[in-house]
């Protein structure tokens, strides 16, 4: 277990010794309250104080050091690398700012905020320790948005989705998609938010369910999104205009994902939506493909000089 990795740093104290020391250090009402607690409750407090919090603090120190030592640019594709890819490949890079919070569920065991164990930590990269959006997360949310795209020919739409994202699980003919996704790392500090469980029908708070604290990237935090399009496999009836159609469809799907549906858990609550992009916040290589994605950004008026 992950506990074993950090266990050497624990200042171990036997439960009975801790209990006696705790009781001796309390007075009056607090001492009486502690004595009235069940053994299970005391054991739970001992476990948190002696193991969980110290280990979580140790892990956070290690992760913070990793943040300083690692260059996340090593994980991202470069424009110059396109020359090694098949003809008509397109690389899209977007600098985005969150309009609504972003969250995701991590499997980590030791996360603390304000000195307390936090049960709903955000996903972090194991190598850098940074909050992140996994490539598979990007793919899943963009695939969801692609289904919502309005397209003239529904059969053509299904065909494009299959070419872009690949075959679905269980399909007889396996097909690798034309899109390649990359991780997004958040360099800013994470925060916390509280959500209230709502009844799906009445949309009112669920009785006897307390508000849930979750770790989030707050609005205003920024990240970089990378997406690579490689027009392979081509298929038997491939035509060059397929590339143009693929990219136009992709632009519409990106528009829906970023501005309407979001790319976060809790997206039905509006999580994971970004601020409107400016023209200089999106790069497309080769440049002559950028206009296809113009629905994503506000074009700059180059005929008006600064200060005019």
Protein backbone atom coordinates (compact mmCIF):
# COMPACT_ATOMS: atom_id res chain seq x y z
CA UNK A 1 0.00 0.00 0.00
CA UNK A 2 0.97 3.63 -0.44
CA UNK A 3 1.15 3.92 3.37
CA UNK A 4 4.35 1.83 3.34
CA UNK A 5 6.15 4.43 1.23
CA UNK A 6 5.75 7.10 3.91
CA UNK A 7 5.70 4.97 7.05
CA UNK A 8 9.32 5.69 8.00
CA UNK A 9 8.49 9.37 8.55
CA UNK A 10 5.82 8.67 11.19
CA UNK A 11 6.55 9.47 14.83
CA UNK A 12 4.85 6.28 15.97
CA UNK A 13 3.03 6.16 19.29
CA UNK A 14 1.05 3.21 20.66
CA UNK A 15 -2.69 3.74 20.93
CA UNK A 16 -2.84 3.26 24.71
CA UNK A 17 0.12 5.58 25.28
CA UNK A 18 -1.46 8.22 23.03
CA UNK A 19 -4.82 7.86 24.80
CA UNK A 20 -3.28 8.31 28.24
CA UNK A 21 -1.18 11.26 27.13
CA UNK A 22 -4.20 12.85 25.45
CA UNK A 23 -6.34 12.49 28.56
CA UNK A 24 -3.62 13.90 30.82
CA UNK A 25 -3.30 16.94 28.59
CA UNK A 26 -6.98 17.86 28.83
CA UNK A 27 -8.87 19.60 31.61
CA UNK A 28 -12.45 20.12 32.71
CA UNK A 29 -15.16 19.80 30.07
CA UNK A 30 -12.81 18.75 27.26
CA UNK A 31 -11.36 15.96 29.39
CA UNK A 32 -14.82 14.73 30.30
CA UNK A 33 -15.90 14.76 26.64
CA UNK A 34 -12.84 12.74 25.65
CA UNK A 35 -13.43 10.16 28.38
CA UNK A 36 -17.03 9.66 27.23
CA UNK A 37 -16.01 8.86 23.65
CA UNK A 38 -16.15 5.22 22.57
CA UNK A 39 -12.93 3.27 22.03
CA UNK A 40 -13.67 3.17 18.31
CA UNK A 41 -13.95 6.96 18.19
CA UNK A 42 -10.72 7.39 20.14
CA UNK A 43 -8.99 4.91 17.85
CA UNK A 44 -10.20 6.87 14.84
CA UNK A 45 -8.75 10.09 16.30
CA UNK A 46 -5.46 8.33 17.09
CA UNK A 47 -5.23 7.01 13.54
CA UNK A 48 -5.82 10.46 12.06
CA UNK A 49 -3.47 12.31 14.41
CA UNK A 50 -0.59 9.81 14.38
CA UNK A 51 -0.80 8.48 10.83
CA UNK A 52 -3.11 10.21 8.37
CA UNK A 53 -2.29 13.88 8.91
CA UNK A 54 1.51 13.45 9.26
CA UNK A 55 1.61 11.21 6.19
CA UNK A 56 -0.54 13.60 4.19
CA UNK A 57 1.76 16.48 5.15
CA UNK A 58 4.80 14.45 4.12
CA UNK A 59 3.23 13.60 0.80
CA UNK A 60 2.37 17.25 0.18
CA UNK A 61 6.00 18.24 0.84
CA UNK A 62 7.18 15.68 -1.71
CA UNK A 63 4.62 16.78 -4.30
CA UNK A 64 5.54 20.44 -3.83
CA UNK A 65 9.19 19.58 -4.41
CA UNK A 66 8.26 17.68 -7.56
CA UNK A 67 6.40 20.74 -8.84
CA UNK A 68 9.60 22.76 -8.56
CA UNK A 69 11.86 20.15 -10.15
CA UNK A 70 9.85 19.05 -13.21
CA UNK A 71 9.36 20.81 -16.53
CA UNK A 72 5.84 20.03 -17.71
CA UNK A 73 6.65 21.27 -21.21
CA UNK A 74 8.35 17.91 -21.72
CA UNK A 75 4.89 16.32 -21.87
CA UNK A 76 3.57 18.63 -24.59
CA UNK A 77 4.01 18.44 -28.38
CA UNK A 78 5.97 21.13 -30.22
CA UNK A 79 5.14 22.79 -33.54
CA UNK A 80 8.47 21.75 -35.03
CA UNK A 81 7.64 18.11 -34.39
CA UNK A 82 4.85 18.25 -36.99
CA UNK A 83 7.42 17.84 -39.75
CA UNK A 84 7.88 14.26 -38.59
CA UNK A 85 4.16 13.50 -38.84
CA UNK A 86 2.02 12.56 -41.87
CA UNK A 87 0.99 15.30 -44.28
CA UNK A 88 -2.05 17.41 -43.26
CA UNK A 89 -1.55 16.77 -39.55
CA UNK A 90 -2.80 19.67 -37.41
CA UNK A 91 -1.75 20.70 -33.90
CA UNK A 92 -4.11 22.85 -31.82
CA UNK A 93 -2.90 24.63 -28.69
CA UNK A 94 -5.30 26.61 -26.50
CA UNK A 95 -4.44 28.80 -23.50
CA UNK A 96 -7.65 28.81 -21.46
CA UNK A 97 -8.93 30.42 -18.26
CA UNK A 98 -11.62 28.75 -16.19
CA UNK A 99 -14.95 30.55 -15.96
CA UNK A 100 -16.39 27.91 -13.61
CA UNK A 101 -14.57 25.51 -11.26
CA UNK A 102 -12.92 22.34 -12.51
CA UNK A 103 -12.87 19.16 -10.44
CA UNK A 104 -12.15 15.47 -10.84
CA UNK A 105 -11.99 12.49 -8.53
CA UNK A 106 -8.54 11.28 -7.50
CA UNK A 107 -7.76 7.90 -5.99
CA UNK A 108 -5.09 9.36 -3.73
CA UNK A 109 -5.20 8.60 -0.02
CA UNK A 110 -3.37 11.50 1.60
CA UNK A 111 -4.52 15.01 0.78
CA UNK A 112 -4.94 17.73 3.38
CA UNK A 113 -6.31 21.26 3.28
CA UNK A 114 -5.95 23.58 6.26
CA UNK A 115 -4.45 20.76 8.30
CA UNK A 116 -7.36 18.34 7.89
CA UNK A 117 -7.85 15.18 5.85
CA UNK A 118 -9.69 15.91 2.61
CA UNK A 119 -11.83 13.10 1.19
CA UNK A 120 -12.46 14.39 -2.35
CA UNK A 121 -9.06 15.41 -3.76
CA UNK A 122 -8.56 16.50 -7.35
CA UNK A 123 -6.66 14.27 -9.81
CA UNK A 124 -2.92 14.85 -9.71
CA UNK A 125 -0.12 13.69 -11.94
CA UNK A 126 1.93 11.04 -10.13
CA UNK A 127 5.18 12.35 -11.61
CA UNK A 128 4.87 16.11 -11.06
CA UNK A 129 2.28 16.27 -8.29
CA UNK A 130 0.35 18.91 -10.24
CA UNK A 131 -3.46 18.96 -10.58
CA UNK A 132 -4.24 17.77 -14.08
CA UNK A 133 -6.76 16.86 -16.75
CA UNK A 134 -5.96 13.41 -18.09
CA UNK A 135 -5.90 12.77 -21.87
CA UNK A 136 -8.68 10.22 -21.40
CA UNK A 137 -10.77 12.87 -19.63
CA UNK A 138 -10.37 15.29 -22.53
CA UNK A 139 -11.31 12.57 -24.98
CA UNK A 140 -14.41 11.55 -23.04
CA UNK A 141 -15.77 15.08 -22.70
CA UNK A 142 -15.01 16.02 -26.30
CA UNK A 143 -16.67 12.80 -27.47
CA UNK A 144 -19.74 13.76 -25.42
CA UNK A 145 -19.81 17.21 -27.02
CA UNK A 146 -19.37 15.71 -30.50
CA UNK A 147 -22.66 13.85 -30.10
CA UNK A 148 -24.37 17.22 -29.50
CA UNK A 149 -23.02 18.87 -32.66
CA UNK A 150 -25.71 19.86 -35.16
CA UNK A 151 -24.75 18.48 -38.58
CA UNK A 152 -26.69 18.37 -41.83
CA UNK A 153 -26.28 14.64 -42.43
CA UNK A 154 -26.69 12.43 -39.35
CA UNK A 155 -25.03 9.43 -41.01
CA UNK A 156 -22.11 11.60 -42.07
CA UNK A 157 -21.87 12.89 -38.50
CA UNK A 158 -21.59 9.35 -37.11
CA UNK A 159 -18.92 8.57 -39.68
CA UNK A 160 -16.87 11.64 -38.73
CA UNK A 161 -17.15 10.85 -35.02
CA UNK A 162 -15.88 7.34 -35.67
CA UNK A 163 -12.95 8.61 -37.74
CA UNK A 164 -12.02 11.18 -35.08
CA UNK A 165 -12.46 9.13 -31.92
CA UNK A 166 -12.12 5.56 -33.12
CA UNK A 167 -14.43 2.61 -32.71
CA UNK A 168 -16.64 2.09 -29.69
CA UNK A 169 -16.06 -0.78 -27.24
CA UNK A 170 -17.67 -3.90 -28.65
CA UNK A 171 -17.45 -2.82 -32.30
CA UNK A 172 -16.56 -5.69 -34.62
CA UNK A 173 -14.18 -3.58 -36.69
CA UNK A 174 -11.64 -1.93 -34.41
CA UNK A 175 -10.52 1.50 -35.58
CA UNK A 176 -7.99 3.91 -34.11
CA UNK A 177 -9.14 7.52 -34.08
CA UNK A 178 -7.44 10.46 -35.77
CA UNK A 179 -7.28 12.56 -32.59
CA UNK A 180 -4.46 12.41 -30.04
CA UNK A 181 -4.93 13.97 -26.62
CA UNK A 182 -2.38 15.27 -24.12
CA UNK A 183 -2.48 16.06 -20.40
CA UNK A 184 -3.21 19.54 -19.09
CA UNK A 185 -1.40 20.61 -15.93
CA UNK A 186 -2.52 23.39 -13.61
CA UNK A 187 0.44 25.27 -12.14
CA UNK A 188 -1.79 27.28 -9.79
CA UNK A 189 -2.76 26.14 -6.31
CA UNK A 190 -5.99 24.20 -5.96
CA UNK A 191 -8.85 25.39 -3.74
CA UNK A 192 -11.94 23.89 -2.19
CA UNK A 193 -15.65 24.17 -2.85
CA UNK A 194 -18.81 22.84 -1.24
CA UNK A 195 -21.70 21.29 -3.12
CA UNK A 196 -25.13 20.41 -1.76
CA UNK A 197 -26.58 17.04 -2.87
CA UNK A 198 -29.84 17.67 -4.73
CA UNK A 199 -32.76 15.41 -5.50
CA UNK A 200 -32.71 14.67 -9.24
CA UNK A 201 -36.44 15.19 -9.61
CA UNK A 202 -37.18 18.14 -7.34
CA UNK A 203 -33.70 19.76 -7.46
CA UNK A 204 -33.99 20.43 -3.74
CA UNK A 205 -31.42 19.47 -1.06
CA UNK A 206 -31.51 15.78 -0.15
CA UNK A 207 -32.65 15.23 3.41
CA UNK A 208 -30.05 13.88 5.87
CA UNK A 209 -27.19 14.41 3.40
CA UNK A 210 -24.59 16.93 4.46
CA UNK A 211 -22.89 19.31 2.00
CA UNK A 212 -19.86 17.71 0.32
CA UNK A 213 -16.46 19.40 0.26
CA UNK A 214 -14.51 18.92 -2.97
CA UNK A 215 -11.10 20.04 -4.15
CA UNK A 216 -11.28 22.25 -7.26
CA UNK A 217 -9.40 24.56 -9.55
CA UNK A 218 -11.15 27.87 -9.00
CA UNK A 219 -12.45 30.22 -11.72
CA UNK A 220 -9.62 32.37 -13.03
CA UNK A 221 -7.07 29.53 -13.01
CA UNK A 222 -5.47 28.77 -16.36
CA UNK A 223 -4.17 25.80 -18.31
CA UNK A 224 -3.03 24.71 -21.75
CA UNK A 225 -4.94 22.32 -24.00
CA UNK A 226 -3.21 20.39 -26.78
CA UNK A 227 -4.89 18.34 -29.47
CA UNK A 228 -3.25 16.63 -32.43
CA UNK A 229 -5.15 15.63 -35.55
CA UNK A 230 -3.53 13.06 -37.84
CA UNK A 231 -5.62 12.08 -40.91
CA UNK A 232 -4.91 8.38 -40.60
CA UNK A 233 -6.30 5.81 -41.01
CA UNK A 234 -7.68 7.02 -44.33
CA UNK A 235 -9.95 4.18 -45.34
CA UNK A 236 -10.71 2.87 -48.83
CA UNK A 237 -12.85 5.80 -50.01
CA UNK A 238 -10.74 8.59 -48.52
CA UNK A 239 -11.02 12.02 -50.14
CA UNK A 240 -8.96 15.12 -49.36
CA UNK A 241 -12.06 17.13 -48.46
CA UNK A 242 -12.57 14.76 -45.51
CA UNK A 243 -9.81 16.63 -43.69
CA UNK A 244 -11.65 19.93 -44.02
CA UNK A 245 -14.90 18.32 -42.85
CA UNK A 246 -13.15 16.65 -39.91
CA UNK A 247 -11.66 19.94 -38.74
CA UNK A 248 -14.90 21.91 -39.14
CA UNK A 249 -16.75 19.30 -37.12
CA UNK A 250 -13.96 19.27 -34.54
CA UNK A 251 -14.20 23.06 -34.15
CA UNK A 252 -17.93 22.78 -33.39
CA UNK A 253 -17.33 20.01 -30.85
CA UNK A 254 -14.60 22.03 -29.11
CA UNK A 255 -16.91 25.04 -29.00
CA UNK A 256 -19.61 23.01 -27.24
CA UNK A 257 -17.19 21.37 -24.82
CA UNK A 258 -15.46 24.57 -23.73
CA UNK A 259 -18.41 26.96 -23.62
CA UNK A 260 -21.54 24.85 -23.06
CA UNK A 261 -20.96 21.44 -21.50
CA UNK A 262 -17.55 21.80 -19.87
CA UNK A 263 -14.87 19.16 -19.35
CA UNK A 264 -15.22 18.57 -15.62
CA UNK A 265 -16.94 16.22 -13.26
CA UNK A 266 -20.16 17.93 -12.07
CA UNK A 267 -20.55 19.43 -15.55
CA UNK A 268 -24.33 19.32 -15.14
CA UNK A 269 -23.71 22.05 -12.54
CA UNK A 270 -21.75 24.07 -15.09
CA UNK A 271 -18.30 22.99 -13.93
CA UNK A 272 -15.41 23.05 -16.42
CA UNK A 273 -16.59 25.89 -18.68
CA UNK A 274 -13.96 28.41 -19.80
CA UNK A 275 -13.84 32.14 -20.49
CA UNK A 276 -14.25 33.26 -24.10
CA UNK A 277 -10.94 32.87 -25.91
CA UNK A 278 -9.09 35.73 -27.54
CA UNK A 279 -7.47 35.21 -30.92
CA UNK A 280 -3.96 35.15 -29.46
CA UNK A 281 -4.94 32.39 -27.01
CA UNK A 282 -5.29 29.74 -29.69
CA UNK A 283 -2.49 28.50 -31.93
CA UNK A 284 -3.04 26.23 -34.89
CA UNK A 285 -0.21 24.69 -36.85
CA UNK A 286 -0.12 24.93 -39.81
CA UNK A 287 -1.41 28.50 -39.56
CA UNK A 288 -3.56 28.32 -42.67
CA UNK A 289 -5.93 26.02 -40.74
CA UNK A 290 -6.60 28.53 -37.95
CA UNK A 291 -9.64 30.18 -39.56
CA UNK A 292 -11.47 26.85 -39.34
CA UNK A 293 -11.41 27.26 -35.56
CA UNK A 294 -12.44 30.93 -35.55
CA UNK A 295 -15.76 30.07 -33.84
CA UNK A 296 -13.69 29.45 -30.71
CA UNK A 297 -12.26 32.93 -30.34
CA UNK A 298 -13.00 36.62 -30.61
CA UNK A 299 -11.17 37.99 -33.61
CA UNK A 300 -8.98 41.02 -33.07
CA UNK A 301 -9.75 44.09 -35.15
CA UNK A 302 -6.38 44.65 -36.78
CA UNK A 303 -7.55 47.78 -38.61
CA UNK A 304 -7.92 49.68 -35.33
CA UNK A 305 -4.68 50.88 -33.78
CA UNK A 306 -4.09 50.79 -30.04
CA UNK A 307 -5.42 53.92 -28.39
CA UNK A 308 -7.54 54.89 -31.39
